[in-house]
């Protein structure tokens, strides 16, 4: 009725795209832009979700002097395991290089399909716990491959529950990874 042709232009990609874009209503345009953004962002999200940080643990220092009342389950292995749980909460997936704190391999690969795991750690962690008669000092230390070093300490009193110990480890790990 208006005398204007609604046929798409015959030549060129951009004129056709502009023609179809103008013919779409606003919700359809929004849906198309959202779909395009999701298609572009999904590879980056996939890489970020599957990134594994290689880490290494030094031999934990666990010194208990005197007759301090500690939770029964508190061992160097428990401390290291809690540290790894807190670390995974903070930085995502980790791959432990070395024998200390290494996770057991639970995946069986066919010959030739074994993934190439990193051999140089990005971060090295030290876990120390020194206890006196009335209190314990928890010291966590992180050294990155870029030269950055950070430490976090916490004081725990005799008779504290294992849950308070767990909370202290998690809080100190959060301080190590800003």
N, C-alpha and C. Protein backbone atom coordinates (compact mmCIF):
# COMPACT_ATOMS: atom_id res chain seq x y z
N UNK A 1 0.81 -1.20 0.00
CA UNK A 1 0.00 0.00 0.00
C UNK A 1 0.84 1.25 0.00
N UNK A 2 2.03 1.20 0.62
CA UNK A 2 2.85 2.41 0.66
C UNK A 2 3.72 2.56 -0.58
N UNK A 3 3.80 1.54 -1.38
CA UNK A 3 4.58 1.61 -2.60
C UNK A 3 6.05 1.32 -2.39
N UNK A 4 6.46 0.82 -1.21
CA UNK A 4 7.85 0.50 -0.93
C UNK A 4 8.00 -1.01 -0.98
N UNK A 5 9.00 -1.49 -1.69
CA UNK A 5 9.22 -2.91 -1.82
C UNK A 5 9.74 -3.51 -0.53
N UNK A 6 9.22 -4.70 -0.15
CA UNK A 6 9.68 -5.41 1.03
C UNK A 6 10.61 -6.56 0.64
N UNK A 7 10.94 -6.65 -0.65
CA UNK A 7 11.85 -7.69 -1.10
C UNK A 7 13.27 -7.37 -0.62
N UNK A 8 14.03 -8.42 -0.30
CA UNK A 8 15.41 -8.16 0.15
C UNK A 8 16.25 -7.69 -1.02
N UNK A 9 17.28 -6.91 -0.74
CA UNK A 9 18.17 -6.48 -1.82
C UNK A 9 18.86 -7.68 -2.46
N UNK A 10 19.21 -7.56 -3.70
CA UNK A 10 19.77 -8.69 -4.43
C UNK A 10 21.27 -8.87 -4.17
N UNK A 11 21.99 -7.81 -3.92
CA UNK A 11 23.43 -7.93 -3.84
C UNK A 11 23.94 -7.53 -2.46
N UNK A 12 24.96 -8.25 -2.02
CA UNK A 12 25.66 -7.90 -0.79
C UNK A 12 25.08 -8.53 0.47
N UNK A 13 25.98 -8.97 1.30
CA UNK A 13 25.57 -9.60 2.56
C UNK A 13 25.04 -8.57 3.55
N UNK A 14 25.74 -7.48 3.71
CA UNK A 14 25.36 -6.48 4.71
C UNK A 14 24.00 -5.83 4.39
N UNK A 15 23.71 -5.48 3.11
CA UNK A 15 22.37 -4.92 2.85
C UNK A 15 21.26 -5.93 3.18
N UNK A 16 21.48 -7.21 2.90
CA UNK A 16 20.47 -8.22 3.24
C UNK A 16 20.31 -8.35 4.76
N UNK A 17 21.44 -8.36 5.44
CA UNK A 17 21.39 -8.47 6.90
C UNK A 17 20.64 -7.28 7.49
N UNK A 18 20.93 -6.10 7.01
CA UNK A 18 20.26 -4.89 7.48
C UNK A 18 18.76 -4.96 7.19
N UNK A 19 18.39 -5.48 6.04
CA UNK A 19 16.98 -5.61 5.67
C UNK A 19 16.25 -6.55 6.63
N UNK A 20 16.85 -7.73 6.86
CA UNK A 20 16.19 -8.69 7.76
C UNK A 20 16.17 -8.19 9.20
N UNK A 21 17.23 -7.49 9.62
CA UNK A 21 17.29 -6.95 10.98
C UNK A 21 16.17 -5.95 11.21
N UNK A 22 15.94 -5.09 10.23
CA UNK A 22 14.87 -4.09 10.37
C UNK A 22 13.49 -4.73 10.35
N UNK A 23 13.38 -5.88 9.71
CA UNK A 23 12.09 -6.56 9.65
C UNK A 23 11.73 -7.33 10.92
N UNK A 24 12.72 -7.49 11.82
CA UNK A 24 12.47 -8.24 13.06
C UNK A 24 11.93 -7.31 14.14
N UNK A 25 11.08 -7.87 14.98
CA UNK A 25 10.58 -7.10 16.11
C UNK A 25 11.62 -7.12 17.22
N UNK A 26 11.46 -6.23 18.18
CA UNK A 26 12.44 -6.05 19.24
C UNK A 26 12.72 -7.34 20.04
N UNK A 27 11.71 -8.12 20.46
CA UNK A 27 12.01 -9.36 21.19
C UNK A 27 12.84 -10.34 20.37
N UNK A 28 12.57 -10.41 19.07
CA UNK A 28 13.34 -11.31 18.22
C UNK A 28 14.78 -10.83 18.09
N UNK A 29 14.98 -9.53 18.00
CA UNK A 29 16.34 -8.98 17.95
C UNK A 29 17.10 -9.29 19.24
N UNK A 30 16.42 -9.10 20.37
CA UNK A 30 17.03 -9.37 21.67
C UNK A 30 17.41 -10.85 21.80
N UNK A 31 16.53 -11.73 21.35
CA UNK A 31 16.81 -13.16 21.40
C UNK A 31 18.00 -13.51 20.51
N UNK A 32 18.08 -12.91 19.34
CA UNK A 32 19.18 -13.18 18.43
C UNK A 32 20.51 -12.68 18.99
N UNK A 33 20.51 -11.50 19.57
CA UNK A 33 21.73 -10.96 20.18
C UNK A 33 22.16 -11.83 21.37
N UNK A 34 21.21 -12.28 22.18
CA UNK A 34 21.52 -13.14 23.33
C UNK A 34 22.09 -14.47 22.86
N UNK A 35 21.52 -15.03 21.83
CA UNK A 35 22.03 -16.29 21.29
C UNK A 35 23.45 -16.12 20.76
N UNK A 36 23.69 -15.04 20.05
CA UNK A 36 25.04 -14.79 19.51
C UNK A 36 26.04 -14.61 20.65
N UNK A 37 25.66 -13.90 21.69
CA UNK A 37 26.55 -13.71 22.84
C UNK A 37 26.85 -15.04 23.53
N UNK A 38 25.85 -15.89 23.66
CA UNK A 38 26.04 -17.20 24.30
C UNK A 38 26.96 -18.07 23.46
N UNK A 39 26.81 -18.03 22.14
CA UNK A 39 27.67 -18.83 21.26
C UNK A 39 29.11 -18.35 21.34
N UNK A 40 29.32 -17.05 21.43
CA UNK A 40 30.68 -16.51 21.50
C UNK A 40 31.29 -16.77 22.88
N UNK A 41 30.50 -16.66 23.95
CA UNK A 41 31.04 -16.79 25.31
C UNK A 41 31.21 -18.23 25.77
N UNK A 42 30.49 -19.17 25.19
CA UNK A 42 30.54 -20.54 25.69
C UNK A 42 31.92 -21.19 25.60
N UNK A 43 32.72 -21.00 24.56
CA UNK A 43 34.06 -21.60 24.58
C UNK A 43 34.94 -21.05 25.72
N UNK A 44 34.81 -19.75 25.99
CA UNK A 44 35.59 -19.16 27.07
C UNK A 44 35.15 -19.70 28.42
N UNK A 45 33.85 -19.87 28.61
CA UNK A 45 33.33 -20.44 29.85
C UNK A 45 33.77 -21.89 30.02
N UNK A 46 33.79 -22.62 28.93
CA UNK A 46 34.22 -24.02 28.98
C UNK A 46 35.69 -24.13 29.37
N UNK A 47 36.52 -23.28 28.80
CA UNK A 47 37.95 -23.29 29.15
C UNK A 47 38.14 -22.89 30.61
N UNK A 48 37.41 -21.89 31.07
CA UNK A 48 37.54 -21.46 32.47
C UNK A 48 37.07 -22.55 33.42
N UNK A 49 36.03 -23.27 33.07
CA UNK A 49 35.49 -24.31 33.94
C UNK A 49 36.38 -25.54 33.99
N UNK A 50 37.12 -25.80 32.93
CA UNK A 50 37.95 -27.01 32.89
C UNK A 50 39.42 -26.71 33.18
N UNK A 51 39.74 -25.47 33.52
CA UNK A 51 41.13 -25.12 33.81
C UNK A 51 41.56 -25.77 35.12
N UNK A 52 42.71 -26.38 35.10
CA UNK A 52 43.26 -27.04 36.27
C UNK A 52 44.54 -26.32 36.66
N UNK A 53 44.65 -25.94 37.92
CA UNK A 53 45.83 -25.25 38.41
C UNK A 53 46.80 -26.26 39.03
N UNK A 54 48.02 -26.37 38.50
CA UNK A 54 48.99 -27.29 39.10
C UNK A 54 49.57 -26.68 40.37
N UNK A 55 49.50 -27.43 41.47
CA UNK A 55 50.02 -26.97 42.76
C UNK A 55 50.91 -28.04 43.36
N UNK A 56 51.69 -27.63 44.34
CA UNK A 56 52.56 -28.57 45.04
C UNK A 56 52.53 -28.22 46.52
N UNK A 57 52.63 -29.25 47.36
CA UNK A 57 52.66 -29.05 48.81
C UNK A 57 54.01 -29.48 49.35
N UNK A 58 54.56 -28.64 50.22
CA UNK A 58 55.76 -29.03 50.95
C UNK A 58 55.34 -29.94 52.11
N UNK A 59 56.28 -30.64 52.68
CA UNK A 59 55.99 -31.52 53.81
C UNK A 59 55.39 -30.68 54.93
N UNK A 60 54.17 -31.03 55.41
CA UNK A 60 53.57 -30.23 56.48
C UNK A 60 54.37 -30.34 57.78
N UNK A 61 54.44 -29.23 58.50
CA UNK A 61 55.08 -29.20 59.81
C UNK A 61 53.98 -29.32 60.85
N UNK A 62 54.05 -30.32 61.69
CA UNK A 62 53.01 -30.61 62.68
C UNK A 62 53.72 -30.90 64.01
N UNK A 63 53.81 -29.87 64.86
CA UNK A 63 54.53 -30.00 66.12
C UNK A 63 53.54 -29.78 67.26
N UNK A 64 53.43 -30.78 68.13
CA UNK A 64 52.57 -30.68 69.30
C UNK A 64 53.45 -30.87 70.53
N UNK A 65 53.57 -29.80 71.33
CA UNK A 65 54.39 -29.85 72.54
C UNK A 65 53.47 -29.79 73.76
N UNK A 66 53.72 -30.63 74.71
CA UNK A 66 52.93 -30.61 75.93
C UNK A 66 51.65 -31.41 75.79
N UNK A 67 50.80 -31.28 76.78
CA UNK A 67 49.53 -32.00 76.83
C UNK A 67 48.38 -31.09 76.43
N UNK A 68 48.33 -30.70 75.20
CA UNK A 68 47.24 -29.85 74.71
C UNK A 68 46.08 -30.74 74.28
N UNK A 69 44.89 -30.26 74.53
CA UNK A 69 43.68 -31.00 74.15
C UNK A 69 43.31 -30.64 72.72
N UNK A 70 43.56 -31.58 71.81
CA UNK A 70 43.25 -31.38 70.39
C UNK A 70 42.11 -32.31 69.99
N UNK A 71 41.36 -31.94 68.95
CA UNK A 71 40.34 -32.87 68.45
C UNK A 71 40.98 -34.19 68.04
N UNK A 72 40.27 -35.26 68.29
CA UNK A 72 40.81 -36.60 68.04
C UNK A 72 41.17 -36.82 66.56
N UNK A 73 40.37 -36.28 65.64
CA UNK A 73 40.60 -36.51 64.21
C UNK A 73 41.63 -35.57 63.60
N UNK A 74 42.18 -34.66 64.38
CA UNK A 74 43.14 -33.70 63.86
C UNK A 74 44.49 -34.38 63.66
N UNK A 75 44.84 -34.58 62.40
CA UNK A 75 46.12 -35.19 62.02
C UNK A 75 46.73 -34.34 60.91
N UNK A 76 48.00 -34.55 60.61
CA UNK A 76 48.57 -33.82 59.47
C UNK A 76 47.82 -34.10 58.17
N UNK A 77 47.37 -35.33 57.98
CA UNK A 77 46.62 -35.67 56.76
C UNK A 77 45.28 -34.93 56.71
N UNK A 78 44.58 -34.85 57.85
CA UNK A 78 43.30 -34.12 57.91
C UNK A 78 43.54 -32.65 57.56
N UNK A 79 44.60 -32.08 58.13
CA UNK A 79 44.91 -30.67 57.88
C UNK A 79 45.18 -30.42 56.40
N UNK A 80 45.94 -31.30 55.78
CA UNK A 80 46.25 -31.16 54.36
C UNK A 80 44.99 -31.36 53.50
N UNK A 81 44.17 -32.34 53.86
CA UNK A 81 42.93 -32.57 53.11
C UNK A 81 41.98 -31.38 53.21
N UNK A 82 41.85 -30.81 54.40
CA UNK A 82 40.99 -29.63 54.58
C UNK A 82 41.54 -28.46 53.79
N UNK A 83 42.85 -28.31 53.78
CA UNK A 83 43.47 -27.24 53.01
C UNK A 83 43.13 -27.39 51.53
N UNK A 84 43.21 -28.62 51.01
CA UNK A 84 42.90 -28.85 49.59
C UNK A 84 41.43 -28.56 49.29
N UNK A 85 40.52 -28.93 50.20
CA UNK A 85 39.10 -28.65 50.00
C UNK A 85 38.88 -27.14 49.93
N UNK A 86 39.48 -26.42 50.87
CA UNK A 86 39.35 -24.96 50.88
C UNK A 86 39.98 -24.33 49.64
N UNK A 87 41.10 -24.88 49.21
CA UNK A 87 41.78 -24.36 48.02
C UNK A 87 40.93 -24.55 46.78
N UNK A 88 40.30 -25.71 46.66
CA UNK A 88 39.41 -25.96 45.52
C UNK A 88 38.20 -25.03 45.55
N UNK A 89 37.72 -24.69 46.73
CA UNK A 89 36.62 -23.74 46.83
C UNK A 89 37.04 -22.36 46.33
N UNK A 90 38.31 -22.02 46.52
CA UNK A 90 38.79 -20.69 46.16
C UNK A 90 39.25 -20.57 44.71
N UNK A 91 40.04 -21.54 44.23
CA UNK A 91 40.63 -21.37 42.89
C UNK A 91 40.14 -22.38 41.88
N UNK A 92 39.26 -23.28 42.26
CA UNK A 92 38.74 -24.26 41.31
C UNK A 92 39.53 -25.55 41.35
N UNK A 93 39.57 -26.23 40.23
CA UNK A 93 40.23 -27.53 40.17
C UNK A 93 41.74 -27.37 40.31
N UNK A 94 42.32 -28.27 41.10
CA UNK A 94 43.77 -28.27 41.27
C UNK A 94 44.31 -29.65 40.94
N UNK A 95 45.54 -29.67 40.45
CA UNK A 95 46.26 -30.91 40.20
C UNK A 95 47.50 -30.86 41.06
N UNK A 96 47.62 -31.79 42.00
CA UNK A 96 48.73 -31.80 42.94
C UNK A 96 49.91 -32.52 42.31
N UNK A 97 51.02 -31.81 42.20
CA UNK A 97 52.26 -32.37 41.69
C UNK A 97 53.09 -32.83 42.88
N UNK A 98 53.63 -34.01 42.80
CA UNK A 98 54.45 -34.54 43.89
C UNK A 98 53.65 -35.51 44.75
N UNK A 99 54.35 -36.14 45.67
CA UNK A 99 53.74 -37.19 46.48
C UNK A 99 52.93 -36.64 47.65
N UNK A 100 53.26 -35.47 48.15
CA UNK A 100 52.58 -34.93 49.32
C UNK A 100 51.25 -34.32 48.90
N UNK A 101 50.18 -34.87 49.43
CA UNK A 101 48.85 -34.36 49.15
C UNK A 101 48.27 -34.78 47.81
N UNK A 102 48.95 -35.64 47.09
CA UNK A 102 48.47 -36.05 45.77
C UNK A 102 47.17 -36.83 45.89
N UNK A 103 46.26 -36.57 44.98
CA UNK A 103 45.00 -37.30 44.94
C UNK A 103 45.22 -38.62 44.23
N UNK A 104 44.53 -39.66 44.66
CA UNK A 104 44.69 -40.93 43.95
C UNK A 104 44.12 -40.83 42.54
N UNK A 105 44.75 -41.49 41.61
CA UNK A 105 44.25 -41.50 40.23
C UNK A 105 43.11 -42.50 40.15
N UNK A 106 41.95 -42.01 39.78
CA UNK A 106 40.76 -42.86 39.72
C UNK A 106 40.29 -43.10 38.29
N UNK A 107 40.98 -42.53 37.32
CA UNK A 107 40.62 -42.70 35.92
C UNK A 107 41.64 -43.59 35.25
N UNK A 108 41.17 -44.58 34.52
CA UNK A 108 42.05 -45.47 33.77
C UNK A 108 42.02 -45.02 32.31
N UNK A 109 43.19 -44.72 31.78
CA UNK A 109 43.30 -44.27 30.40
C UNK A 109 43.85 -45.40 29.54
N UNK A 110 43.41 -45.44 28.30
CA UNK A 110 43.98 -46.42 27.38
C UNK A 110 45.38 -45.96 26.99
N UNK A 111 46.23 -46.90 26.54
CA UNK A 111 47.59 -46.51 26.15
C UNK A 111 47.53 -45.45 25.04
N UNK A 112 48.32 -44.44 25.18
CA UNK A 112 48.35 -43.38 24.18
C UNK A 112 47.33 -42.28 24.42
N UNK A 113 46.39 -42.50 25.33
CA UNK A 113 45.37 -41.49 25.60
C UNK A 113 45.60 -40.77 26.93
N UNK A 114 46.71 -41.08 27.58
CA UNK A 114 47.02 -40.46 28.86
C UNK A 114 47.23 -38.97 28.66
N UNK A 115 46.51 -38.13 29.40
CA UNK A 115 46.70 -36.69 29.23
C UNK A 115 48.08 -36.27 29.72
N UNK A 116 48.57 -35.19 29.16
CA UNK A 116 49.86 -34.66 29.58
C UNK A 116 49.61 -33.69 30.73
N UNK A 117 49.89 -34.16 31.95
CA UNK A 117 49.70 -33.33 33.12
C UNK A 117 50.88 -32.38 33.27
N UNK A 118 50.64 -31.20 33.82
CA UNK A 118 51.75 -30.27 34.01
C UNK A 118 52.77 -30.84 35.01
N UNK A 119 54.02 -30.48 34.83
CA UNK A 119 55.08 -30.97 35.72
C UNK A 119 55.66 -29.87 36.59
N UNK A 120 55.35 -28.62 36.28
CA UNK A 120 55.84 -27.48 37.06
C UNK A 120 54.65 -26.83 37.76
N UNK A 121 54.70 -26.70 39.08
CA UNK A 121 53.56 -26.11 39.79
C UNK A 121 53.48 -24.60 39.59
N UNK A 122 52.25 -24.09 39.52
CA UNK A 122 52.05 -22.64 39.49
C UNK A 122 52.14 -22.06 40.89
N UNK A 123 51.78 -22.87 41.90
CA UNK A 123 51.79 -22.41 43.28
C UNK A 123 52.32 -23.53 44.17
N UNK A 124 53.11 -23.15 45.17
CA UNK A 124 53.64 -24.10 46.15
C UNK A 124 53.13 -23.66 47.51
N UNK A 125 52.60 -24.61 48.28
CA UNK A 125 52.00 -24.31 49.58
C UNK A 125 52.75 -25.01 50.69
N UNK A 126 52.88 -24.30 51.82
CA UNK A 126 53.42 -24.85 53.06
C UNK A 126 52.34 -24.76 54.12
N UNK A 127 52.16 -25.84 54.86
CA UNK A 127 51.18 -25.88 55.94
C UNK A 127 51.93 -26.22 57.22
N UNK A 128 51.81 -25.36 58.24
CA UNK A 128 52.49 -25.59 59.51
C UNK A 128 51.50 -25.44 60.65
N UNK A 129 51.63 -26.32 61.63
CA UNK A 129 50.84 -26.23 62.85
C UNK A 129 51.78 -26.50 64.02
N UNK A 130 51.92 -25.51 64.88
CA UNK A 130 52.79 -25.63 66.06
C UNK A 130 51.92 -25.38 67.27
N UNK A 131 51.89 -26.38 68.19
CA UNK A 131 51.03 -26.29 69.37
C UNK A 131 51.88 -26.25 70.63
N UNK A 132 51.44 -25.41 71.57
CA UNK A 132 52.02 -25.31 72.89
C UNK A 132 51.02 -25.94 73.86
N UNK A 133 51.12 -25.66 75.12
CA UNK A 133 50.22 -26.25 76.12
C UNK A 133 48.80 -25.68 76.00
N UNK A 134 48.66 -24.42 75.63
CA UNK A 134 47.33 -23.79 75.62
C UNK A 134 46.83 -23.38 74.25
N UNK A 135 47.72 -23.22 73.27
CA UNK A 135 47.25 -22.75 71.96
C UNK A 135 48.07 -23.33 70.83
N UNK A 136 47.51 -23.21 69.63
CA UNK A 136 48.18 -23.67 68.41
C UNK A 136 48.23 -22.52 67.42
N UNK A 137 49.31 -22.45 66.68
CA UNK A 137 49.45 -21.45 65.63
C UNK A 137 49.45 -22.19 64.29
N UNK A 138 48.49 -21.81 63.45
CA UNK A 138 48.39 -22.36 62.11
C UNK A 138 49.01 -21.35 61.15
N UNK A 139 49.97 -21.79 60.37
CA UNK A 139 50.64 -20.91 59.42
C UNK A 139 50.54 -21.53 58.03
N UNK A 140 49.95 -20.78 57.10
CA UNK A 140 49.82 -21.21 55.72
C UNK A 140 50.62 -20.24 54.85
N UNK A 141 51.36 -20.79 53.91
CA UNK A 141 52.21 -19.97 53.06
C UNK A 141 52.03 -20.40 51.60
N UNK A 142 51.97 -19.39 50.71
CA UNK A 142 51.82 -19.66 49.27
C UNK A 142 52.90 -18.92 48.52
N UNK A 143 53.56 -19.63 47.62
CA UNK A 143 54.55 -19.02 46.73
C UNK A 143 54.13 -19.32 45.30
N UNK A 144 53.91 -18.26 44.52
CA UNK A 144 53.50 -18.42 43.12
C UNK A 144 54.71 -18.45 42.22
N UNK A 145 54.51 -18.99 41.02
CA UNK A 145 55.62 -19.05 40.06
C UNK A 145 56.00 -17.67 39.54
N UNK A 146 55.14 -16.67 39.74
CA UNK A 146 55.47 -15.31 39.32
C UNK A 146 56.22 -14.54 40.40
N UNK A 147 56.57 -15.21 41.51
CA UNK A 147 57.36 -14.58 42.56
C UNK A 147 56.54 -14.03 43.71
N UNK A 148 55.22 -14.03 43.59
CA UNK A 148 54.37 -13.50 44.67
C UNK A 148 54.35 -14.49 45.83
N UNK A 149 54.45 -13.95 47.05
CA UNK A 149 54.40 -14.77 48.26
C UNK A 149 53.37 -14.18 49.20
N UNK A 150 52.58 -15.07 49.81
CA UNK A 150 51.57 -14.63 50.77
C UNK A 150 51.54 -15.63 51.92
N UNK A 151 51.24 -15.11 53.10
CA UNK A 151 51.12 -15.94 54.29
C UNK A 151 49.85 -15.56 55.03
N UNK A 152 49.32 -16.54 55.77
CA UNK A 152 48.16 -16.29 56.62
C UNK A 152 48.33 -17.15 57.88
N UNK A 153 48.06 -16.54 59.02
CA UNK A 153 48.19 -17.23 60.28
C UNK A 153 46.88 -17.19 61.05
N UNK A 154 46.71 -18.19 61.90
CA UNK A 154 45.55 -18.24 62.77
C UNK A 154 45.93 -18.87 64.10
N UNK A 155 45.27 -18.43 65.16
CA UNK A 155 45.54 -18.97 66.50
C UNK A 155 44.31 -19.74 66.95
N UNK A 156 44.55 -20.96 67.40
CA UNK A 156 43.48 -21.81 67.89
C UNK A 156 43.79 -22.20 69.33
N UNK A 157 42.76 -22.22 70.15
CA UNK A 157 42.95 -22.52 71.56
C UNK A 157 42.70 -23.99 71.86
N UNK A 158 43.23 -24.42 72.96
CA UNK A 158 43.03 -25.80 73.40
C UNK A 158 41.54 -26.06 73.62
N UNK A 159 41.09 -27.22 73.19
CA UNK A 159 39.70 -27.61 73.41
C UNK A 159 38.73 -27.16 72.34
N UNK A 160 39.18 -26.46 71.31
CA UNK A 160 38.26 -26.04 70.24
C UNK A 160 37.82 -27.25 69.43
N UNK A 161 36.61 -27.17 68.91
CA UNK A 161 36.05 -28.29 68.16
C UNK A 161 36.70 -28.39 66.77
N UNK A 162 36.52 -29.54 66.16
CA UNK A 162 37.05 -29.76 64.82
C UNK A 162 36.40 -28.81 63.81
N UNK A 163 35.16 -28.47 64.03
CA UNK A 163 34.47 -27.51 63.14
C UNK A 163 35.15 -26.15 63.18
N UNK A 164 35.59 -25.70 64.36
CA UNK A 164 36.28 -24.42 64.47
C UNK A 164 37.64 -24.49 63.77
N UNK A 165 38.29 -25.64 63.85
CA UNK A 165 39.55 -25.83 63.14
C UNK A 165 39.30 -25.74 61.63
N UNK A 166 38.25 -26.40 61.16
CA UNK A 166 37.92 -26.39 59.74
C UNK A 166 37.63 -24.96 59.29
N UNK A 167 36.86 -24.22 60.07
CA UNK A 167 36.55 -22.83 59.72
C UNK A 167 37.81 -21.97 59.65
N UNK A 168 38.73 -22.22 60.57
CA UNK A 168 39.98 -21.45 60.59
C UNK A 168 40.81 -21.75 59.33
N UNK A 169 40.91 -23.01 58.96
CA UNK A 169 41.67 -23.37 57.76
C UNK A 169 41.06 -22.71 56.52
N UNK A 170 39.73 -22.78 56.38
CA UNK A 170 39.06 -22.19 55.23
C UNK A 170 39.24 -20.67 55.20
N UNK A 171 39.15 -20.03 56.36
CA UNK A 171 39.31 -18.57 56.42
C UNK A 171 40.73 -18.16 56.04
N UNK A 172 41.71 -18.90 56.51
CA UNK A 172 43.09 -18.56 56.18
C UNK A 172 43.41 -18.82 54.70
N UNK A 173 42.82 -19.83 54.12
CA UNK A 173 43.03 -20.09 52.68
C UNK A 173 42.42 -18.97 51.87
N UNK A 174 41.28 -18.43 52.30
CA UNK A 174 40.68 -17.29 51.59
C UNK A 174 41.62 -16.09 51.62
N UNK A 175 42.35 -15.92 52.74
CA UNK A 175 43.31 -14.81 52.82
C UNK A 175 44.49 -15.02 51.87
N UNK A 176 44.86 -16.27 51.62
CA UNK A 176 45.98 -16.54 50.73
C UNK A 176 45.64 -16.23 49.27
N UNK A 177 44.38 -16.34 48.91
CA UNK A 177 43.96 -16.19 47.51
C UNK A 177 42.96 -15.05 47.39
N UNK A 178 43.48 -13.82 47.29
CA UNK A 178 42.56 -12.67 47.22
C UNK A 178 41.81 -12.61 45.91
